[in-house]
Each structure stands twice: as structure tokens, then as C-alpha cells.
Amino acid sequence: AYMKERKNIQLPGFRKGKATEGMIEKFY
């Protein structure tokens, strides 16, 4: 699911699509 959606997710300090699965889970 992460691989499918990562290109649409942007976190502060990361370019769009570059945040890791762990970072996204930590943030959201």
C-alpha cells in the first residue's frame, strides 16, 4: 500500500514521493 501511494505523499523536509514508510507512519 505504501509503494502504491508514496508518490502522492509529501512530508515536511522531504521531496514528494521520497519519504520512507516508517517516516510516513510516524507522521500520520
PDB file of all heavy atoms in Angstrom:
ATOM      1  N   ALA A   1       0.837  -1.204   0.000  1.00  0.00           N
ATOM      2  CA  ALA A   1       0.000   0.000   0.000  1.00  0.00           C
ATOM      3  C   ALA A   1       0.870   1.253   0.000  1.00  0.00           C
ATOM      4  O   ALA A   1       0.573   2.229  -0.700  1.00  0.00           O
ATOM      5  CB  ALA A   1      -0.915  -0.010   1.222  1.00  0.00           C
ATOM      6  N   TYR A   2       1.964   1.208   0.764  1.00  0.00           N
ATOM      7  CA  TYR A   2       2.902   2.336   0.800  1.00  0.00           C
ATOM      8  C   TYR A   2       3.517   2.559  -0.583  1.00  0.00           C
ATOM      9  O   TYR A   2       3.579   3.697  -1.069  1.00  0.00           O
ATOM     10  CB  TYR A   2       3.998   2.071   1.829  1.00  0.00           C
ATOM     11  CG  TYR A   2       5.288   2.830   1.570  1.00  0.00           C
ATOM     12  CD1 TYR A   2       5.354   4.212   1.772  1.00  0.00           C
ATOM     13  CD2 TYR A   2       6.429   2.169   1.106  1.00  0.00           C
ATOM     14  CE1 TYR A   2       6.523   4.916   1.507  1.00  0.00           C
ATOM     15  CE2 TYR A   2       7.593   2.854   0.847  1.00  0.00           C
ATOM     16  CZ  TYR A   2       7.645   4.225   1.040  1.00  0.00           C
ATOM     17  OH  TYR A   2       8.802   4.920   0.777  1.00  0.00           O
ATOM     18  N   MET A   3       3.963   1.493  -1.235  1.00  0.00           N
ATOM     19  CA  MET A   3       4.596   1.610  -2.546  1.00  0.00           C
ATOM     20  C   MET A   3       3.625   2.196  -3.573  1.00  0.00           C
ATOM     21  O   MET A   3       4.014   2.939  -4.473  1.00  0.00           O
ATOM     22  CB  MET A   3       5.075   0.229  -3.018  1.00  0.00           C
ATOM     23  CG  MET A   3       6.180  -0.376  -2.155  1.00  0.00           C
ATOM     24  SD  MET A   3       7.707   0.612  -2.164  1.00  0.00           S
ATOM     25  CE  MET A   3       8.258   0.337  -3.841  1.00  0.00           C
ATOM     26  N   LYS A   4       2.361   1.855  -3.408  1.00  0.00           N
ATOM     27  CA  LYS A   4       1.351   2.343  -4.340  1.00  0.00           C
ATOM     28  C   LYS A   4       1.039   3.826  -4.133  1.00  0.00           C
ATOM     29  O   LYS A   4       0.791   4.567  -5.090  1.00  0.00           O
ATOM     30  CB  LYS A   4       0.077   1.508  -4.170  1.00  0.00           C
ATOM     31  CG  LYS A   4      -1.036   1.858  -5.137  1.00  0.00           C
ATOM     32  CD  LYS A   4      -2.260   0.974  -4.892  1.00  0.00           C
ATOM     33  CE  LYS A   4      -3.403   1.364  -5.806  1.00  0.00           C
ATOM     34  NZ  LYS A   4      -4.620   0.531  -5.573  1.00  0.00           N
ATOM     35  N   GLU A   5       1.100   4.287  -2.866  1.00  0.00           N
ATOM     36  CA  GLU A   5       0.667   5.649  -2.543  1.00  0.00           C
ATOM     37  C   GLU A   5       1.801   6.643  -2.318  1.00  0.00           C
ATOM     38  O   GLU A   5       1.558   7.850  -2.250  1.00  0.00           O
ATOM     39  CB  GLU A   5      -0.225   5.624  -1.292  1.00  0.00           C
ATOM     40  CG  GLU A   5      -1.523   4.865  -1.455  1.00  0.00           C
ATOM     41  CD  GLU A   5      -2.439   5.518  -2.472  1.00  0.00           C
ATOM     42  OE1 GLU A   5      -2.405   6.762  -2.598  1.00  0.00           O
ATOM     43  OE2 GLU A   5      -3.189   4.789  -3.147  1.00  0.00           O
ATOM     44  N   ARG A   6       3.029   6.179  -2.209  1.00  0.00           N
ATOM     45  CA  ARG A   6       4.102   7.088  -1.781  1.00  0.00           C
ATOM     46  C   ARG A   6       4.312   8.263  -2.721  1.00  0.00           C
ATOM     47  O   ARG A   6       4.694   9.364  -2.280  1.00  0.00           O
ATOM     48  CB  ARG A   6       5.412   6.319  -1.619  1.00  0.00           C
ATOM     49  CG  ARG A   6       5.999   5.745  -2.899  1.00  0.00           C
ATOM     50  CD  ARG A   6       7.343   5.106  -2.656  1.00  0.00           C
ATOM     51  NE  ARG A   6       7.902   4.545  -3.885  1.00  0.00           N
ATOM     52  CZ  ARG A   6       9.101   3.997  -3.961  1.00  0.00           C
ATOM     53  NH1 ARG A   6       9.867   3.930  -2.877  1.00  0.00           N
ATOM     54  NH2 ARG A   6       9.543   3.511  -5.104  1.00  0.00           N
ATOM     55  N   LYS A   7       4.080   8.058  -4.009  1.00  0.00           N
ATOM     56  CA  LYS A   7       4.305   9.150  -4.964  1.00  0.00           C
ATOM     57  C   LYS A   7       3.347  10.325  -4.734  1.00  0.00           C
ATOM     58  O   LYS A   7       3.573  11.443  -5.219  1.00  0.00           O
ATOM     59  CB  LYS A   7       4.170   8.640  -6.402  1.00  0.00           C
ATOM     60  CG  LYS A   7       2.811   8.104  -6.765  1.00  0.00           C
ATOM     61  CD  LYS A   7       2.804   7.601  -8.210  1.00  0.00           C
ATOM     62  CE  LYS A   7       1.447   7.012  -8.598  1.00  0.00           C
ATOM     63  NZ  LYS A   7       1.118   5.805  -7.841  1.00  0.00           N
ATOM     64  N   ASN A   8       2.270  10.066  -3.994  1.00  0.00           N
ATOM     65  CA  ASN A   8       1.285  11.120  -3.735  1.00  0.00           C
ATOM     66  C   ASN A   8       1.460  11.773  -2.361  1.00  0.00           C
ATOM     67  O   ASN A   8       0.697  12.671  -2.012  1.00  0.00           O
ATOM     68  CB  ASN A   8      -0.132  10.542  -3.824  1.00  0.00           C
ATOM     69  CG  ASN A   8      -0.419   9.914  -5.174  1.00  0.00           C
ATOM     70  OD1 ASN A   8      -0.062  10.492  -6.200  1.00  0.00           O
ATOM     71  ND2 ASN A   8      -1.052   8.745  -5.174  1.00  0.00           N
ATOM     72  N   ILE A   9       2.456  11.290  -1.572  1.00  0.00           N
ATOM     73  CA  ILE A   9       2.599  11.760  -0.186  1.00  0.00           C
ATOM     74  C   ILE A   9       3.842  12.632  -0.046  1.00  0.00           C
ATOM     75  O   ILE A   9       4.930  12.278  -0.511  1.00  0.00           O
ATOM     76  CB  ILE A   9       2.687  10.567   0.792  1.00  0.00           C
ATOM     77  CG1 ILE A   9       1.409   9.716   0.691  1.00  0.00           C
ATOM     78  CG2 ILE A   9       2.895  11.055   2.223  1.00  0.00           C
ATOM     79  CD1 ILE A   9       1.461   8.452   1.509  1.00  0.00           C
ATOM     80  N   GLN A  10       3.647  13.768   0.575  1.00  0.00           N
ATOM     81  CA  GLN A  10       4.784  14.663   0.824  1.00  0.00           C
ATOM     82  C   GLN A  10       4.816  15.036   2.305  1.00  0.00           C
ATOM     83  O   GLN A  10       3.810  15.465   2.882  1.00  0.00           O
ATOM     84  CB  GLN A  10       4.659  15.934  -0.023  1.00  0.00           C
ATOM     85  CG  GLN A  10       5.858  16.861   0.123  1.00  0.00           C
ATOM     86  CD  GLN A  10       5.796  18.023  -0.855  1.00  0.00           C
ATOM     87  OE1 GLN A  10       4.782  18.245  -1.502  1.00  0.00           O
ATOM     88  NE2 GLN A  10       6.889  18.755  -0.963  1.00  0.00           N
ATOM     89  N   LEU A  11       5.990  14.841   2.944  1.00  0.00           N
ATOM     90  CA  LEU A  11       6.184  15.224   4.339  1.00  0.00           C
ATOM     91  C   LEU A  11       7.089  16.448   4.410  1.00  0.00           C
ATOM     92  O   LEU A  11       7.930  16.671   3.520  1.00  0.00           O
ATOM     93  CB  LEU A  11       6.839  14.074   5.113  1.00  0.00           C
ATOM     94  CG  LEU A  11       6.043  12.777   5.280  1.00  0.00           C
ATOM     95  CD1 LEU A  11       6.832  11.815   6.154  1.00  0.00           C
ATOM     96  CD2 LEU A  11       4.680  13.036   5.887  1.00  0.00           C
ATOM     97  N   PRO A  12       6.928  17.242   5.448  1.00  0.00           N
ATOM     98  CA  PRO A  12       7.829  18.395   5.620  1.00  0.00           C
ATOM     99  C   PRO A  12       9.288  17.925   5.638  1.00  0.00           C
ATOM    100  O   PRO A  12       9.658  16.979   6.344  1.00  0.00           O
ATOM    101  CB  PRO A  12       7.417  18.969   6.982  1.00  0.00           C
ATOM    102  CG  PRO A  12       6.000  18.513   7.167  1.00  0.00           C
ATOM    103  CD  PRO A  12       5.914  17.178   6.529  1.00  0.00           C
ATOM    104  N   GLY A  13      10.121  18.564   4.807  1.00  0.00           N
ATOM    105  CA  GLY A  13      11.542  18.224   4.761  1.00  0.00           C
ATOM    106  C   GLY A  13      11.866  17.133   3.755  1.00  0.00           C
ATOM    107  O   GLY A  13      13.044  16.779   3.575  1.00  0.00           O
ATOM    108  N   PHE A  14      10.855  16.548   3.108  1.00  0.00           N
ATOM    109  CA  PHE A  14      11.069  15.508   2.106  1.00  0.00           C
ATOM    110  C   PHE A  14      10.453  15.935   0.776  1.00  0.00           C
ATOM    111  O   PHE A  14       9.392  16.581   0.752  1.00  0.00           O
ATOM    112  CB  PHE A  14      10.424  14.183   2.538  1.00  0.00           C
ATOM    113  CG  PHE A  14      11.087  13.531   3.711  1.00  0.00           C
ATOM    114  CD1 PHE A  14      10.719  13.880   5.013  1.00  0.00           C
ATOM    115  CD2 PHE A  14      12.077  12.566   3.519  1.00  0.00           C
ATOM    116  CE1 PHE A  14      11.315  13.273   6.097  1.00  0.00           C
ATOM    117  CE2 PHE A  14      12.677  11.960   4.609  1.00  0.00           C
ATOM    118  CZ  PHE A  14      12.309  12.314   5.899  1.00  0.00           C
ATOM    119  N   ARG A  15      11.135  15.576  -0.312  1.00  0.00           N
ATOM    120  CA  ARG A  15      10.527  15.779  -1.617  1.00  0.00           C
ATOM    121  C   ARG A  15       9.366  14.800  -1.780  1.00  0.00           C
ATOM    122  O   ARG A  15       9.387  13.717  -1.198  1.00  0.00           O
ATOM    123  CB  ARG A  15      11.553  15.570  -2.736  1.00  0.00           C
ATOM    124  CG  ARG A  15      12.485  16.787  -2.909  1.00  0.00           C
ATOM    125  CD  ARG A  15      13.404  16.611  -4.088  1.00  0.00           C
ATOM    126  NE  ARG A  15      14.329  15.486  -3.881  1.00  0.00           N
ATOM    127  CZ  ARG A  15      14.675  14.631  -4.810  1.00  0.00           C
ATOM    128  NH1 ARG A  15      14.160  14.721  -6.026  1.00  0.00           N
ATOM    129  NH2 ARG A  15      15.529  13.652  -4.559  1.00  0.00           N
ATOM    130  N   LYS A  16       8.390  15.174  -2.596  1.00  0.00           N
ATOM    131  CA  LYS A  16       7.213  14.346  -2.800  1.00  0.00           C
ATOM    132  C   LYS A  16       7.623  12.962  -3.300  1.00  0.00           C
ATOM    133  O   LYS A  16       8.382  12.826  -4.263  1.00  0.00           O
ATOM    134  CB  LYS A  16       6.268  14.991  -3.818  1.00  0.00           C
ATOM    135  CG  LYS A  16       4.867  14.407  -3.812  1.00  0.00           C
ATOM    136  CD  LYS A  16       3.939  15.237  -4.689  1.00  0.00           C
ATOM    137  CE  LYS A  16       2.510  14.744  -4.590  1.00  0.00           C
ATOM    138  NZ  LYS A  16       1.576  15.537  -5.398  1.00  0.00           N
ATOM    139  N   GLY A  17       7.121  11.919  -2.623  1.00  0.00           N
ATOM    140  CA  GLY A  17       7.413  10.547  -3.036  1.00  0.00           C
ATOM    141  C   GLY A  17       8.695   9.983  -2.454  1.00  0.00           C
ATOM    142  O   GLY A  17       9.037   8.829  -2.736  1.00  0.00           O
ATOM    143  N   LYS A  18       9.433  10.754  -1.651  1.00  0.00           N
ATOM    144  CA  LYS A  18      10.729  10.291  -1.138  1.00  0.00           C
ATOM    145  C   LYS A  18      10.689   9.856   0.328  1.00  0.00           C
ATOM    146  O   LYS A  18      11.662   9.283   0.823  1.00  0.00           O
ATOM    147  CB  LYS A  18      11.781  11.386  -1.318  1.00  0.00           C
ATOM    148  CG  LYS A  18      12.080  11.727  -2.773  1.00  0.00           C
ATOM    149  CD  LYS A  18      12.618  10.512  -3.530  1.00  0.00           C
ATOM    150  CE  LYS A  18      12.940  10.855  -4.978  1.00  0.00           C
ATOM    151  NZ  LYS A  18      13.452   9.672  -5.705  1.00  0.00           N
ATOM    152  N   ALA A  19       9.597  10.125   1.031  1.00  0.00           N
ATOM    153  CA  ALA A  19       9.521   9.749   2.449  1.00  0.00           C
ATOM    154  C   ALA A  19       9.405   8.239   2.586  1.00  0.00           C
ATOM    155  O   ALA A  19       8.724   7.581   1.806  1.00  0.00           O
ATOM    156  CB  ALA A  19       8.320  10.430   3.107  1.00  0.00           C
ATOM    157  N   THR A  20      10.054   7.665   3.584  1.00  0.00           N
ATOM    158  CA  THR A  20      10.014   6.218   3.805  1.00  0.00           C
ATOM    159  C   THR A  20       8.687   5.819   4.439  1.00  0.00           C
ATOM    160  O   THR A  20       7.956   6.663   4.985  1.00  0.00           O
ATOM    161  CB  THR A  20      11.157   5.774   4.724  1.00  0.00           C
ATOM    162  OG1 THR A  20      10.938   6.347   6.020  1.00  0.00           O
ATOM    163  CG2 THR A  20      12.510   6.197   4.175  1.00  0.00           C
ATOM    164  N   GLU A  21       8.413   4.522   4.410  1.00  0.00           N
ATOM    165  CA  GLU A  21       7.192   4.007   5.012  1.00  0.00           C
ATOM    166  C   GLU A  21       7.159   4.325   6.506  1.00  0.00           C
ATOM    167  O   GLU A  21       6.125   4.771   7.032  1.00  0.00           O
ATOM    168  CB  GLU A  21       7.110   2.481   4.793  1.00  0.00           C
ATOM    169  CG  GLU A  21       5.851   1.840   5.363  1.00  0.00           C
ATOM    170  CD  GLU A  21       5.811   0.337   5.140  1.00  0.00           C
ATOM    171  OE1 GLU A  21       6.691  -0.202   4.411  1.00  0.00           O
ATOM    172  OE2 GLU A  21       4.910  -0.320   5.697  1.00  0.00           O
ATOM    173  N   GLY A  22       8.316   4.131   7.168  1.00  0.00           N
ATOM    174  CA  GLY A  22       8.380   4.386   8.599  1.00  0.00           C
ATOM    175  C   GLY A  22       8.131   5.839   8.942  1.00  0.00           C
ATOM    176  O   GLY A  22       7.438   6.150   9.917  1.00  0.00           O
ATOM    177  N   MET A  23       8.696   6.764   8.151  1.00  0.00           N
ATOM    178  CA  MET A  23       8.521   8.202   8.408  1.00  0.00           C
ATOM    179  C   MET A  23       7.057   8.608   8.240  1.00  0.00           C
ATOM    180  O   MET A  23       6.525   9.392   9.030  1.00  0.00           O
ATOM    181  CB  MET A  23       9.407   9.010   7.462  1.00  0.00           C
ATOM    182  CG  MET A  23      10.895   8.887   7.741  1.00  0.00           C
ATOM    183  SD  MET A  23      11.338   9.447   9.404  1.00  0.00           S
ATOM    184  CE  MET A  23      10.870  11.166   9.337  1.00  0.00           C
ATOM    185  N   ILE A  24       6.420   8.065   7.219  1.00  0.00           N
ATOM    186  CA  ILE A  24       5.012   8.394   6.977  1.00  0.00           C
ATOM    187  C   ILE A  24       4.142   7.877   8.118  1.00  0.00           C
ATOM    188  O   ILE A  24       3.244   8.573   8.608  1.00  0.00           O
ATOM    189  CB  ILE A  24       4.548   7.808   5.625  1.00  0.00           C
ATOM    190  CG1 ILE A  24       5.308   8.474   4.466  1.00  0.00           C
ATOM    191  CG2 ILE A  24       3.044   7.999   5.443  1.00  0.00           C
ATOM    192  CD1 ILE A  24       5.090   7.817   3.126  1.00  0.00           C
ATOM    193  N   GLU A  25       4.440   6.656   8.585  1.00  0.00           N
ATOM    194  CA  GLU A  25       3.669   6.085   9.692  1.00  0.00           C
ATOM    195  C   GLU A  25       3.905   6.875  10.978  1.00  0.00           C
ATOM    196  O   GLU A  25       2.974   7.057  11.783  1.00  0.00           O
ATOM    197  CB  GLU A  25       4.059   4.619   9.897  1.00  0.00           C
ATOM    198  CG  GLU A  25       3.547   3.700   8.796  1.00  0.00           C
ATOM    199  CD  GLU A  25       4.006   2.266   8.980  1.00  0.00           C
ATOM    200  OE1 GLU A  25       4.994   2.033   9.708  1.00  0.00           O
ATOM    201  OE2 GLU A  25       3.382   1.370   8.381  1.00  0.00           O
ATOM    202  N   LYS A  26       5.124   7.363  11.146  1.00  0.00           N
ATOM    203  CA  LYS A  26       5.425   8.151  12.348  1.00  0.00           C
ATOM    204  C   LYS A  26       4.680   9.475  12.331  1.00  0.00           C
ATOM    205  O   LYS A  26       4.196   9.957  13.359  1.00  0.00           O
ATOM    206  CB  LYS A  26       6.938   8.400  12.427  1.00  0.00           C
ATOM    207  CG  LYS A  26       7.381   9.050  13.729  1.00  0.00           C
ATOM    208  CD  LYS A  26       8.886   9.154  13.787  1.00  0.00           C
ATOM    209  CE  LYS A  26       9.351   9.786  15.101  1.00  0.00           C
ATOM    210  NZ  LYS A  26      10.815   9.900  15.177  1.00  0.00           N
ATOM    211  N   PHE A  27       4.564  10.038  11.125  1.00  0.00           N
ATOM    212  CA  PHE A  27       3.925  11.355  10.982  1.00  0.00           C
ATOM    213  C   PHE A  27       2.398  11.237  11.079  1.00  0.00           C
ATOM    214  O   PHE A  27       1.744  12.038  11.760  1.00  0.00           O
ATOM    215  CB  PHE A  27       4.329  11.973   9.647  1.00  0.00           C
ATOM    216  CG  PHE A  27       3.911  13.408   9.489  1.00  0.00           C
ATOM    217  CD1 PHE A  27       4.694  14.438   9.996  1.00  0.00           C
ATOM    218  CD2 PHE A  27       2.724  13.737   8.838  1.00  0.00           C
ATOM    219  CE1 PHE A  27       4.308  15.765   9.855  1.00  0.00           C
ATOM    220  CE2 PHE A  27       2.338  15.059   8.697  1.00  0.00           C
ATOM    221  CZ  PHE A  27       3.135  16.072   9.201  1.00  0.00           C
ATOM    222  N   TYR A  28       1.816  10.246  10.384  1.00  0.00           N
ATOM    223  CA  TYR A  28       0.354  10.124  10.306  1.00  0.00           C
ATOM    224  C   TYR A  28      -0.230   9.075  11.259  1.00  0.00           C
ATOM    225  O   TYR A  28      -1.441   9.000  11.437  1.00  0.00           O
ATOM    226  CB  TYR A  28      -0.068   9.760   8.879  1.00  0.00           C
ATOM    227  CG  TYR A  28       0.075  10.893   7.892  1.00  0.00           C
ATOM    228  CD1 TYR A  28       1.084  10.885   6.943  1.00  0.00           C
ATOM    229  CD2 TYR A  28      -0.816  11.965   7.902  1.00  0.00           C
ATOM    230  CE1 TYR A  28       1.221  11.916   6.023  1.00  0.00           C
ATOM    231  CE2 TYR A  28      -0.693  13.006   6.991  1.00  0.00           C
ATOM    232  CZ  TYR A  28       0.329  12.972   6.058  1.00  0.00           C
ATOM    233  OH  TYR A  28       0.453  14.001   5.148  1.00  0.00           O
TER     234      TYR A  28
END
